Amino acid sequence: VCGTTYTYRLTATLVGGGQSVANAVSVLTQSTLPPPAPLVVASFDVQNRVVVTATPGQGTAFAAGGQLAISRQGGAGALAYPPLPTGKAGVPSRTVRDSTALATLLAAPPCYAATLRDTCGNVSVASASSCPALLTATAADAEGLTAQLRWSAFQGPAGAGASYRVLSIGADGTVLTTSAPTTALTYFDPTPPADRQVLRYRIEASGAGLPAGTVSYANVAGFARRAQLVVPTAFTPNGDGLNDVLELKGRYLQNFTFIVVDRNGQQVFRATDRSQTWDGTINGHAPVNAAYVWRLDLQGEDGQTLRQTGTVTILK
């Protein structure tokens, strides 16, 4: 290892079993040979920050006493990160994070590279650039029942040749569904999760010179679908088995309060779950033919509030 002092000693074994030990000689290694270029992989985390990881181009760990210089081209402009020391015990790789706003990165895709300086001052050539895929997702129809995804190509150590999988994820990053591998840069999702108001996606890239088992992720992208309540204009609680109760129907009805009031402003029904129904009775008394006002207050999965109002009439 360059810059390391090695000590040598000669021991002679004599006839009869005796030994003679020579003096110790120490040698400080010097070299003008540049170290191998590191391997760099750029990937987004679930907070949409780019994480740039550098690993040794050869061997399993960086030699002690060196420095990694990671830089960015594109994105928000050229940027050189502070040098990172190498050879920390139990740390075979080093990382930096780029917290530049996603909108900026989408407008100007970034790439990252690194050089390695060893203890003798020799500097490697720059690594192959790594450019993470950048993803956008939009509704493919007015109701958001289908989704269209597009992303930029991932660039790895070998340049092109990546394979992609589309991941549908939950708010906590849990993978809900995974597509078959594709080499295309677009994807149409005809059946997004029906119970999710907010659709979220990631792209998982492999190949393109990445070591086996190593992947790069695109940013998380998605969109919110509009919550909607459908309430009939009337129902008939007469026991004939048809329209006997008021049911709440619609899409993405979670975290809501639904109330019904009579003409005097008195609350006659309240629901916080779509499985709750109203049979028209008021405090145990039989339904009364009349028009009633209802109101829905909903906190959407996207954090937005929704209020809907209307009327429903009891008929017999």
C-alpha atoms as a PDB file:
ATOM      1  CA  VAL A   1       0.000   0.000   0.000  1.00  0.00           C
ATOM      2  CA  CYS A   2       1.453   3.328  -1.062  1.00  0.00           C
ATOM      3  CA  GLY A   3       2.852   5.446   1.758  1.00  0.00           C
ATOM      4  CA  THR A   4       3.077   2.516   4.179  1.00  0.00           C
ATOM      5  CA  THR A   5       6.280   1.529   6.027  1.00  0.00           C
ATOM      6  CA  TYR A   6       7.081  -2.189   5.913  1.00  0.00           C
ATOM      7  CA  THR A   7       9.726  -3.778   8.165  1.00  0.00           C
ATOM      8  CA  TYR A   8      11.772  -6.831   7.149  1.00  0.00           C
ATOM      9  CA  ARG A   9      14.019  -9.082   9.244  1.00  0.00           C
ATOM     10  CA  LEU A  10      16.047 -12.163   8.250  1.00  0.00           C
ATOM     11  CA  THR A  11      16.240 -15.172  10.549  1.00  0.00           C
ATOM     12  CA  ALA A  12      18.801 -17.971   9.913  1.00  0.00           C
ATOM     13  CA  THR A  13      18.225 -21.425  11.395  1.00  0.00           C
ATOM     14  CA  LEU A  14      21.555 -23.094  12.331  1.00  0.00           C
ATOM     15  CA  VAL A  15      22.536 -26.737  12.369  1.00  0.00           C
ATOM     16  CA  GLY A  16      21.508 -28.098  15.739  1.00  0.00           C
ATOM     17  CA  GLY A  17      18.472 -25.826  16.040  1.00  0.00           C
ATOM     18  CA  GLY A  18      20.040 -22.468  16.925  1.00  0.00           C
ATOM     19  CA  GLN A  19      18.942 -19.179  15.215  1.00  0.00           C
ATOM     20  CA  SER A  20      20.685 -15.998  14.129  1.00  0.00           C
ATOM     21  CA  VAL A  21      18.555 -12.884  13.664  1.00  0.00           C
ATOM     22  CA  ALA A  22      19.681 -10.067  11.351  1.00  0.00           C
ATOM     23  CA  ASN A  23      19.009  -6.397  11.853  1.00  0.00           C
ATOM     24  CA  ALA A  24      15.568  -5.022  10.877  1.00  0.00           C
ATOM     25  CA  VAL A  25      15.253  -2.931   7.705  1.00  0.00           C
ATOM     26  CA  SER A  26      12.289  -0.600   7.136  1.00  0.00           C
ATOM     27  CA  VAL A  27      11.085   0.456   3.697  1.00  0.00           C
ATOM     28  CA  LEU A  28       8.597   3.251   2.972  1.00  0.00           C
ATOM     29  CA  THR A  29       6.675   2.423  -0.210  1.00  0.00           C
ATOM     30  CA  GLN A  30       6.537   5.105  -2.870  1.00  0.00           C
ATOM     31  CA  SER A  31       4.782   5.022  -6.207  1.00  0.00           C
ATOM     32  CA  THR A  32       3.855   7.170  -9.163  1.00  0.00           C
ATOM     33  CA  LEU A  33       1.185   4.702 -10.322  1.00  0.00           C
ATOM     34  CA  PRO A  34      -2.333   6.199 -10.088  1.00  0.00           C
ATOM     35  CA  PRO A  35      -4.874   4.144  -8.126  1.00  0.00           C
ATOM     36  CA  PRO A  36      -7.832   2.553  -9.956  1.00  0.00           C
ATOM     37  CA  ALA A  37     -10.745   4.898 -10.560  1.00  0.00           C
ATOM     38  CA  PRO A  38     -13.595   4.404  -8.069  1.00  0.00           C
ATOM     39  CA  LEU A  39     -17.043   3.110  -9.019  1.00  0.00           C
ATOM     40  CA  VAL A  40     -19.805   5.716  -8.562  1.00  0.00           C
ATOM     41  CA  VAL A  41     -23.555   5.069  -8.347  1.00  0.00           C
ATOM     42  CA  ALA A  42     -26.096   7.907  -8.050  1.00  0.00           C
ATOM     43  CA  SER A  43     -29.547   7.028  -6.719  1.00  0.00           C
ATOM     44  CA  PHE A  44     -32.507   8.835  -5.142  1.00  0.00           C
ATOM     45  CA  ASP A  45     -33.739   8.043  -1.632  1.00  0.00           C
ATOM     46  CA  VAL A  46     -37.450   8.221  -0.727  1.00  0.00           C
ATOM     47  CA  GLN A  47     -37.012  11.859   0.382  1.00  0.00           C
ATOM     48  CA  ASN A  48     -35.982  12.667  -3.203  1.00  0.00           C
ATOM     49  CA  ARG A  49     -32.379  13.422  -2.305  1.00  0.00           C
ATOM     50  CA  VAL A  50     -29.659  12.109  -4.583  1.00  0.00           C
ATOM     51  CA  VAL A  51     -27.301   9.759  -2.715  1.00  0.00           C
ATOM     52  CA  VAL A  52     -23.947   9.314  -4.447  1.00  0.00           C
ATOM     53  CA  THR A  53     -22.006   6.206  -3.375  1.00  0.00           C
ATOM     54  CA  ALA A  54     -18.357   5.572  -4.273  1.00  0.00           C
ATOM     55  CA  THR A  55     -16.816   2.115  -3.928  1.00  0.00           C
ATOM     56  CA  PRO A  56     -13.361   0.793  -4.879  1.00  0.00           C
ATOM     57  CA  GLY A  57     -12.760   0.155  -8.561  1.00  0.00           C
ATOM     58  CA  GLN A  58     -10.683  -2.848  -7.477  1.00  0.00           C
ATOM     59  CA  GLY A  59     -10.691  -4.821  -4.247  1.00  0.00           C
ATOM     60  CA  THR A  60     -13.216  -4.744  -1.444  1.00  0.00           C
ATOM     61  CA  ALA A  61     -12.140  -1.597   0.425  1.00  0.00           C
ATOM     62  CA  PHE A  62     -10.291   1.650  -0.117  1.00  0.00           C
ATOM     63  CA  ALA A  63      -6.731   1.832   1.210  1.00  0.00           C
ATOM     64  CA  ALA A  64      -6.267   3.950   4.321  1.00  0.00           C
ATOM     65  CA  GLY A  65      -4.995   7.476   4.084  1.00  0.00           C
ATOM     66  CA  GLY A  66      -6.474   8.423   0.725  1.00  0.00           C
ATOM     67  CA  GLN A  67      -9.137  10.929  -0.265  1.00  0.00           C
ATOM     68  CA  LEU A  68     -12.224  10.722  -2.466  1.00  0.00           C
ATOM     69  CA  ALA A  69     -13.271  13.783  -4.426  1.00  0.00           C
ATOM     70  CA  ILE A  70     -16.905  13.547  -5.625  1.00  0.00           C
ATOM     71  CA  SER A  71     -18.299  16.163  -7.992  1.00  0.00           C
ATOM     72  CA  ARG A  72     -21.534  16.998  -9.777  1.00  0.00           C
ATOM     73  CA  GLN A  73     -22.030  18.164 -13.307  1.00  0.00           C
ATOM     74  CA  GLY A  74     -25.346  19.560 -14.494  1.00  0.00           C
ATOM     75  CA  GLY A  75     -28.323  19.839 -12.177  1.00  0.00           C
ATOM     76  CA  ALA A  76     -27.987  23.095 -10.267  1.00  0.00           C
ATOM     77  CA  GLY A  77     -24.477  23.578 -11.718  1.00  0.00           C
ATOM     78  CA  ALA A  78     -21.024  22.140 -11.197  1.00  0.00           C
ATOM     79  CA  LEU A  79     -20.252  21.342  -7.570  1.00  0.00           C
ATOM     80  CA  ALA A  80     -17.241  19.780  -5.855  1.00  0.00           C
ATOM     81  CA  TYR A  81     -18.013  18.155  -2.499  1.00  0.00           C
ATOM     82  CA  PRO A  82     -15.470  18.325   0.347  1.00  0.00           C
ATOM     83  CA  PRO A  83     -12.938  15.466   0.048  1.00  0.00           C
ATOM     84  CA  LEU A  84     -13.768  12.312   1.993  1.00  0.00           C
ATOM     85  CA  PRO A  85     -11.068  10.290   3.786  1.00  0.00           C
ATOM     86  CA  THR A  86     -10.819   6.633   2.779  1.00  0.00           C
ATOM     87  CA  GLY A  87      -9.970   3.475   4.648  1.00  0.00           C
ATOM     88  CA  LYS A  88     -12.281   3.872   7.651  1.00  0.00           C
ATOM     89  CA  ALA A  89     -12.662   0.552   9.469  1.00  0.00           C
ATOM     90  CA  GLY A  90     -15.880  -1.270   8.516  1.00  0.00           C
ATOM     91  CA  VAL A  91     -16.798   1.340   5.870  1.00  0.00           C
ATOM     92  CA  PRO A  92     -16.166  -0.117   2.397  1.00  0.00           C
ATOM     93  CA  SER A  93     -17.856   2.837   0.631  1.00  0.00           C
ATOM     94  CA  ARG A  94     -18.340   6.579   1.058  1.00  0.00           C
ATOM     95  CA  THR A  95     -21.430   8.640   0.256  1.00  0.00           C
ATOM     96  CA  VAL A  96     -22.562  12.230  -0.207  1.00  0.00           C
ATOM     97  CA  ARG A  97     -26.102  13.593  -0.545  1.00  0.00           C
ATOM     98  CA  ASP A  98     -27.360  16.218  -2.953  1.00  0.00           C
ATOM     99  CA  SER A  99     -30.396  17.982  -1.478  1.00  0.00           C
ATOM    100  CA  THR A 100     -31.009  20.235  -4.484  1.00  0.00           C
ATOM    101  CA  ALA A 101     -34.744  20.759  -5.087  1.00  0.00           C
ATOM    102  CA  LEU A 102     -36.241  18.082  -7.308  1.00  0.00           C
ATOM    103  CA  ALA A 103     -37.748  20.660  -9.687  1.00  0.00           C
ATOM    104  CA  THR A 104     -34.246  21.975 -10.368  1.00  0.00           C
ATOM    105  CA  LEU A 105     -32.902  18.497 -11.058  1.00  0.00           C
ATOM    106  CA  LEU A 106     -35.825  17.663 -13.362  1.00  0.00           C
ATOM    107  CA  ALA A 107     -35.082  20.808 -15.369  1.00  0.00           C
ATOM    108  CA  ALA A 108     -31.345  20.020 -15.607  1.00  0.00           C
ATOM    109  CA  PRO A 109     -30.509  16.331 -14.959  1.00  0.00           C
ATOM    110  CA  PRO A 110     -27.334  15.885 -12.876  1.00  0.00           C
ATOM    111  CA  CYS A 111     -24.441  13.449 -13.253  1.00  0.00           C
ATOM    112  CA  TYR A 112     -21.785  12.569 -10.691  1.00  0.00           C
ATOM    113  CA  ALA A 113     -18.186  11.339 -10.837  1.00  0.00           C
ATOM    114  CA  ALA A 114     -15.261  10.877  -8.458  1.00  0.00           C
ATOM    115  CA  THR A 115     -11.477  10.659  -8.344  1.00  0.00           C
ATOM    116  CA  LEU A 116      -9.320   8.879  -5.774  1.00  0.00           C
ATOM    117  CA  ARG A 117      -6.090  10.301  -4.345  1.00  0.00           C
ATOM    118  CA  ASP A 118      -3.778   7.831  -2.573  1.00  0.00           C
ATOM    119  CA  THR A 119      -1.336   8.498   0.255  1.00  0.00           C
ATOM    120  CA  CYS A 120       1.514   9.060  -2.221  1.00  0.00           C
ATOM    121  CA  GLY A 121      -0.430  11.887  -3.887  1.00  0.00           C
ATOM    122  CA  ASN A 122      -1.304   9.956  -7.032  1.00  0.00           C
ATOM    123  CA  VAL A 123      -4.735  10.760  -8.445  1.00  0.00           C
ATOM    124  CA  SER A 124      -6.868   8.337 -10.428  1.00  0.00           C
ATOM    125  CA  VAL A 125      -8.607   9.211 -13.622  1.00  0.00           C
ATOM    126  CA  ALA A 126     -12.205  10.325 -13.138  1.00  0.00           C
ATOM    127  CA  SER A 127     -14.731   7.559 -12.679  1.00  0.00           C
ATOM    128  CA  ALA A 128     -17.420   6.925 -15.247  1.00  0.00           C
ATOM    129  CA  SER A 129     -20.265   9.378 -14.704  1.00  0.00           C
ATOM    130  CA  SER A 130     -23.416   8.162 -12.985  1.00  0.00           C
ATOM    131  CA  CYS A 131     -26.688   9.887 -13.855  1.00  0.00           C
ATOM    132  CA  PRO A 132     -29.828   8.786 -11.956  1.00  0.00           C
ATOM    133  CA  ALA A 133     -33.103   8.350 -13.796  1.00  0.00           C
ATOM    134  CA  LEU A 134     -35.552  11.237 -13.347  1.00  0.00           C
ATOM    135  CA  LEU A 135     -39.239  10.298 -13.245  1.00  0.00           C
ATOM    136  CA  THR A 136     -42.499  12.157 -13.895  1.00  0.00           C
ATOM    137  CA  ALA A 137     -45.984  10.700 -13.397  1.00  0.00           C
ATOM    138  CA  THR A 138     -49.288  12.143 -14.610  1.00  0.00           C
ATOM    139  CA  ALA A 139     -52.915  11.055 -14.761  1.00  0.00           C
ATOM    140  CA  ALA A 140     -53.718   9.452 -18.101  1.00  0.00           C
ATOM    141  CA  ASP A 141     -57.448  10.254 -17.836  1.00  0.00           C
ATOM    142  CA  ALA A 142     -59.625  12.934 -16.277  1.00  0.00           C
ATOM    143  CA  GLU A 143     -60.454  10.880 -13.170  1.00  0.00           C
ATOM    144  CA  GLY A 144     -56.888   9.659 -12.559  1.00  0.00           C
ATOM    145  CA  LEU A 145     -57.926   6.028 -12.891  1.00  0.00           C
ATOM    146  CA  THR A 146     -54.827   5.304 -14.999  1.00  0.00           C
ATOM    147  CA  ALA A 147     -51.297   6.706 -14.910  1.00  0.00           C
ATOM    148  CA  GLN A 148     -48.607   7.566 -17.459  1.00  0.00           C
ATOM    149  CA  LEU A 149     -44.937   7.482 -16.405  1.00  0.00           C
ATOM    150  CA  ARG A 150     -41.871   8.842 -18.214  1.00  0.00           C
ATOM    151  CA  TRP A 151     -38.237   8.883 -17.100  1.00  0.00           C
ATOM    152  CA  SER A 152     -34.767   9.746 -18.328  1.00  0.00           C
ATOM    153  CA  ALA A 153     -32.238   7.000 -19.002  1.00  0.00           C
ATOM    154  CA  PHE A 154     -30.019   5.859 -16.157  1.00  0.00           C
ATOM    155  CA  GLN A 155     -26.312   6.119 -16.921  1.00  0.00           C
ATOM    156  CA  GLY A 156     -24.020   3.710 -15.109  1.00  0.00           C
ATOM    157  CA  PRO A 157     -20.362   2.694 -15.370  1.00  0.00           C
ATOM    158  CA  ALA A 158     -20.938   1.158 -18.788  1.00  0.00           C
ATOM    159  CA  GLY A 159     -23.053   4.057 -20.002  1.00  0.00           C
ATOM    160  CA  ALA A 160     -26.286   2.751 -21.513  1.00  0.00           C
ATOM    161  CA  GLY A 161     -27.899  -0.671 -21.315  1.00  0.00           C
ATOM    162  CA  ALA A 162     -30.029  -0.332 -18.177  1.00  0.00           C
ATOM    163  CA  SER A 163     -33.093  -2.407 -17.377  1.00  0.00           C
ATOM    164  CA  TYR A 164     -35.965  -0.873 -15.408  1.00  0.00           C
ATOM    165  CA  ARG A 165     -38.770  -1.969 -13.094  1.00  0.00           C
ATOM    166  CA  VAL A 166     -41.675   0.280 -12.102  1.00  0.00           C
ATOM    167  CA  LEU A 167     -42.462   0.222  -8.393  1.00  0.00           C
ATOM    168  CA  SER A 168     -45.772   1.447  -6.995  1.00  0.00           C
ATOM    169  CA  ILE A 169     -45.120   2.518  -3.394  1.00  0.00           C
ATOM    170  CA  GLY A 170     -47.011   3.638  -0.313  1.00  0.00           C
ATOM    171  CA  ALA A 171     -46.508   6.865   1.626  1.00  0.00           C
ATOM    172  CA  ASP A 172     -43.860   5.167   3.801  1.00  0.00           C
ATOM    173  CA  GLY A 173     -41.937   3.812   0.805  1.00  0.00           C
ATOM    174  CA  THR A 174     -43.341   0.288   1.085  1.00  0.00           C
ATOM    175  CA  VAL A 175     -43.429  -1.403  -2.324  1.00  0.00           C
ATOM    176  CA  LEU A 176     -47.019  -2.238  -3.307  1.00  0.00           C
ATOM    177  CA  THR A 177     -46.539  -3.603  -6.825  1.00  0.00           C
ATOM    178  CA  THR A 178     -43.591  -4.276  -9.146  1.00  0.00           C
ATOM    179  CA  SER A 179     -43.708  -4.379 -12.937  1.00  0.00           C
ATOM    180  CA  ALA A 180     -41.859  -6.780 -15.202  1.00  0.00           C
ATOM    181  CA  PRO A 181     -38.416  -5.538 -16.363  1.00  0.00           C
ATOM    182  CA  THR A 182     -38.392  -3.206 -19.356  1.00  0.00           C
ATOM    183  CA  THR A 183     -35.835  -1.270 -21.364  1.00  0.00           C
ATOM    184  CA  ALA A 184     -38.359   1.398 -22.375  1.00  0.00           C
ATOM    185  CA  LEU A 185     -38.441   4.870 -20.830  1.00  0.00           C
ATOM    186  CA  THR A 186     -42.240   5.066 -20.535  1.00  0.00           C
ATOM    187  CA  TYR A 187     -44.872   3.001 -18.757  1.00  0.00           C
ATOM    188  CA  PHE A 188     -48.675   3.034 -18.750  1.00  0.00           C
ATOM    189  CA  ASP A 189     -50.334   1.780 -15.565  1.00  0.00           C
ATOM    190  CA  PRO A 190     -53.894   0.717 -16.395  1.00  0.00           C
ATOM    191  CA  THR A 191     -54.764  -0.487 -12.890  1.00  0.00           C
ATOM    192  CA  PRO A 192     -53.221   1.651 -10.123  1.00  0.00           C
ATOM    193  CA  PRO A 193     -54.170   0.654  -6.543  1.00  0.00           C
ATOM    194  CA  ALA A 194     -57.878   1.465  -6.309  1.00  0.00           C
ATOM    195  CA  ASP A 195     -57.782   2.353  -2.599  1.00  0.00           C
ATOM    196  CA  ARG A 196     -54.990   4.969  -2.879  1.00  0.00           C
ATOM    197  CA  GLN A 197     -55.917   8.594  -3.422  1.00  0.00           C
ATOM    198  CA  VAL A 198     -52.253   9.540  -3.950  1.00  0.00           C
ATOM    199  CA  LEU A 199     -50.330   7.409  -6.423  1.00  0.00           C
ATOM    200  CA  ARG A 200     -46.569   7.192  -5.901  1.00  0.00           C
ATOM    201  CA  TYR A 201     -43.995   5.537  -8.151  1.00  0.00           C
ATOM    202  CA  ARG A 202     -40.247   4.836  -8.293  1.00  0.00           C
ATOM    203  CA  ILE A 203     -38.074   3.392 -11.033  1.00  0.00           C
ATOM    204  CA  GLU A 204     -35.477   0.742 -10.169  1.00  0.00           C
ATOM    205  CA  ALA A 205     -32.571   0.618 -12.654  1.00  0.00           C
ATOM    206  CA  SER A 206     -30.062  -2.206 -12.958  1.00  0.00           C
ATOM    207  CA  GLY A 207     -27.427  -3.192 -15.507  1.00  0.00           C
ATOM    208  CA  ALA A 208     -25.468  -0.501 -17.371  1.00  0.00           C
ATOM    209  CA  GLY A 209     -22.278  -1.775 -15.755  1.00  0.00           C
ATOM    210  CA  LEU A 210     -23.565  -1.880 -12.178  1.00  0.00           C
ATOM    211  CA  PRO A 211     -22.258  -4.774 -10.066  1.00  0.00           C
ATOM    212  CA  ALA A 212     -24.657  -7.676  -9.616  1.00  0.00           C
ATOM    213  CA  GLY A 213     -27.206  -6.882  -6.917  1.00  0.00           C
ATOM    214  CA  THR A 214     -26.636  -3.116  -7.156  1.00  0.00           C
ATOM    215  CA  VAL A 215     -29.508  -0.885  -8.310  1.00  0.00           C
ATOM    216  CA  SER A 216     -30.206   2.816  -8.714  1.00  0.00           C
ATOM    217  CA  TYR A 217     -33.580   4.399  -7.971  1.00  0.00           C
ATOM    218  CA  ALA A 218     -35.257   7.317  -9.662  1.00  0.00           C
ATOM    219  CA  ASN A 219     -37.032   9.989  -7.649  1.00  0.00           C
ATOM    220  CA  VAL A 220     -40.484   9.346  -6.199  1.00  0.00           C
ATOM    221  CA  ALA A 221     -43.152  10.844  -8.481  1.00  0.00           C
ATOM    222  CA  GLY A 222     -46.919  10.746  -8.421  1.00  0.00           C
ATOM    223  CA  PHE A 223     -50.142  12.688  -8.261  1.00  0.00           C
ATOM    224  CA  ALA A 224     -53.278  13.002  -6.137  1.00  0.00           C
ATOM    225  CA  ARG A 225     -56.674  11.883  -7.348  1.00  0.00           C
ATOM    226  CA  ARG A 226     -59.770  13.839  -6.385  1.00  0.00           C
ATOM    227  CA  ALA A 227     -61.805  12.375  -3.536  1.00  0.00           C
ATOM    228  CA  GLN A 228     -65.499  12.222  -4.290  1.00  0.00           C
ATOM    229  CA  LEU A 229     -68.690  11.433  -2.369  1.00  0.00           C
ATOM    230  CA  VAL A 230     -71.856  10.297  -4.135  1.00  0.00           C
ATOM    231  CA  VAL A 231     -75.106  10.675  -2.170  1.00  0.00           C
ATOM    232  CA  PRO A 232     -78.548   9.885  -3.625  1.00  0.00           C
ATOM    233  CA  THR A 233     -81.119  12.659  -3.710  1.00  0.00           C
ATOM    234  CA  ALA A 234     -83.677  10.490  -1.903  1.00  0.00           C
ATOM    235  CA  PHE A 235     -84.215   7.127  -0.213  1.00  0.00           C
ATOM    236  CA  THR A 236     -87.273   5.167   0.906  1.00  0.00           C
ATOM    237  CA  PRO A 237     -86.984   3.502   4.346  1.00  0.00           C
ATOM    238  CA  ASN A 238     -90.230   1.510   3.992  1.00  0.00           C
ATOM    239  CA  GLY A 239     -88.822  -1.972   4.527  1.00  0.00           C
ATOM    240  CA  ASP A 240     -89.257  -3.214   0.960  1.00  0.00           C
ATOM    241  CA  GLY A 241     -85.560  -3.965   0.635  1.00  0.00           C
ATOM    242  CA  LEU A 242     -84.991  -1.268  -1.982  1.00  0.00           C
ATOM    243  CA  ASN A 243     -83.239   1.988  -1.070  1.00  0.00           C
ATOM    244  CA  ASP A 244     -84.111   1.461   2.592  1.00  0.00           C
ATOM    245  CA  VAL A 245     -80.953   3.180   3.908  1.00  0.00           C
ATOM    246  CA  LEU A 246     -78.721   6.106   3.013  1.00  0.00           C
ATOM    247  CA  GLU A 247     -75.327   4.751   1.936  1.00  0.00           C
ATOM    248  CA  LEU A 248     -72.108   6.667   1.325  1.00  0.00           C
ATOM    249  CA  LYS A 249     -70.479   5.843  -1.976  1.00  0.00           C
ATOM    250  CA  GLY A 250     -67.565   7.367  -3.808  1.00  0.00           C
ATOM    251  CA  ARG A 251     -63.781   7.242  -4.076  1.00  0.00           C
ATOM    252  CA  TYR A 252     -60.957   7.669  -1.539  1.00  0.00           C
ATOM    253  CA  LEU A 253     -63.310   8.279   1.395  1.00  0.00           C
ATOM    254  CA  GLN A 254     -60.942   8.190   4.350  1.00  0.00           C
ATOM    255  CA  ASN A 255     -60.539  10.432   7.396  1.00  0.00           C
ATOM    256  CA  PHE A 256     -63.907  12.152   6.965  1.00  0.00           C
ATOM    257  CA  THR A 257     -66.974  13.272   8.883  1.00  0.00           C
ATOM    258  CA  PHE A 258     -70.434  13.101   7.318  1.00  0.00           C
ATOM    259  CA  ILE A 259     -73.414  14.662   9.100  1.00  0.00           C
ATOM    260  CA  VAL A 260     -77.107  15.061   8.292  1.00  0.00           C
ATOM    261  CA  VAL A 261     -79.257  17.792   9.881  1.00  0.00           C
ATOM    262  CA  ASP A 262     -82.973  18.442   9.824  1.00  0.00           C
ATOM    263  CA  ARG A 263     -84.675  21.731   8.925  1.00  0.00           C
ATOM    264  CA  ASN A 264     -84.135  22.953  12.497  1.00  0.00           C
ATOM    265  CA  GLY A 265     -80.386  22.428  12.237  1.00  0.00           C
ATOM    266  CA  GLN A 266     -80.381  19.455  14.593  1.00  0.00           C
ATOM    267  CA  GLN A 267     -77.958  16.637  13.783  1.00  0.00           C
ATOM    268  CA  VAL A 268     -79.828  13.425  13.007  1.00  0.00           C
ATOM    269  CA  PHE A 269     -77.016  11.256  11.636  1.00  0.00           C
ATOM    270  CA  ARG A 270     -73.219  11.201  11.801  1.00  0.00           C
ATOM    271  CA  ALA A 271     -70.722   8.866  10.106  1.00  0.00           C
ATOM    272  CA  THR A 272     -66.938   8.602  10.040  1.00  0.00           C
ATOM    273  CA  ASP A 273     -66.795   5.330   8.080  1.00  0.00           C
ATOM    274  CA  ARG A 274     -68.383   4.536   4.735  1.00  0.00           C
ATOM    275  CA  SER A 275     -69.811   1.292   6.157  1.00  0.00           C
ATOM    276  CA  GLN A 276     -72.151   3.313   8.398  1.00  0.00           C
ATOM    277  CA  THR A 277     -75.670   3.797   6.989  1.00  0.00           C
ATOM    278  CA  TRP A 278     -78.763   5.756   8.034  1.00  0.00           C
ATOM    279  CA  ASP A 279     -82.163   4.117   8.128  1.00  0.00           C
ATOM    280  CA  GLY A 280     -83.954   7.454   8.550  1.00  0.00           C
ATOM    281  CA  THR A 281     -84.775   7.011  12.242  1.00  0.00           C
ATOM    282  CA  ILE A 282     -84.151   9.931  14.585  1.00  0.00           C
ATOM    283  CA  ASN A 283     -83.457   9.090  18.215  1.00  0.00           C
ATOM    284  CA  GLY A 284     -85.295   5.812  17.749  1.00  0.00           C
ATOM    285  CA  HIS A 285     -88.363   7.416  16.168  1.00  0.00           C
ATOM    286  CA  ALA A 286     -89.746   6.411  12.790  1.00  0.00           C
ATOM    287  CA  PRO A 287     -88.495   8.235   9.676  1.00  0.00           C
ATOM    288  CA  VAL A 288     -90.208  11.497   8.826  1.00  0.00           C
ATOM    289  CA  ASN A 289     -90.825  12.475   5.211  1.00  0.00           C
ATOM    290  CA  ALA A 290     -88.765  15.624   4.681  1.00  0.00           C
ATOM    291  CA  ALA A 291     -85.667  17.071   3.039  1.00  0.00           C
ATOM    292  CA  TYR A 292     -82.455  16.955   5.050  1.00  0.00           C
ATOM    293  CA  VAL A 293     -79.145  18.759   4.533  1.00  0.00           C
ATOM    294  CA  TRP A 294     -75.864  16.814   4.576  1.00  0.00           C
ATOM    295  CA  ARG A 295     -72.249  17.932   4.781  1.00  0.00           C
ATOM    296  CA  LEU A 296     -68.980  16.080   4.204  1.00  0.00           C
ATOM    297  CA  ASP A 297     -65.644  17.282   5.634  1.00  0.00           C
ATOM    298  CA  LEU A 298     -62.684  15.215   4.440  1.00  0.00           C
ATOM    299  CA  GLN A 299     -58.927  15.356   4.983  1.00  0.00           C
ATOM    300  CA  GLY A 300     -57.360  13.813   1.890  1.00  0.00           C
ATOM    301  CA  GLU A 301     -54.280  11.604   1.739  1.00  0.00           C
ATOM    302  CA  ASP A 302     -52.602  14.525  -0.030  1.00  0.00           C
ATOM    303  CA  GLY A 303     -53.235  16.766   3.002  1.00  0.00           C
ATOM    304  CA  GLN A 304     -55.909  18.812   1.221  1.00  0.00           C
ATOM    305  CA  THR A 305     -59.349  19.394   2.747  1.00  0.00           C
ATOM    306  CA  LEU A 306     -62.610  18.826   0.898  1.00  0.00           C
ATOM    307  CA  ARG A 307     -66.118  19.984   1.824  1.00  0.00           C
ATOM    308  CA  GLN A 308     -69.239  18.836  -0.013  1.00  0.00           C
ATOM    309  CA  THR A 309     -72.851  19.687   0.821  1.00  0.00           C
ATOM    310  CA  GLY A 310     -76.243  18.622  -0.514  1.00  0.00           C
ATOM    311  CA  THR A 311     -79.718  17.502   0.369  1.00  0.00           C
ATOM    312  CA  VAL A 312     -81.424  14.140   0.631  1.00  0.00           C
ATOM    313  CA  THR A 313     -85.155  13.519   0.912  1.00  0.00           C
ATOM    314  CA  ILE A 314     -86.901  10.740   2.822  1.00  0.00           C
ATOM    315  CA  LEU A 315     -89.855   9.338   0.885  1.00  0.00           C
ATOM    316  CA  LYS A 316     -92.268   6.558   1.794  1.00  0.00           C
END
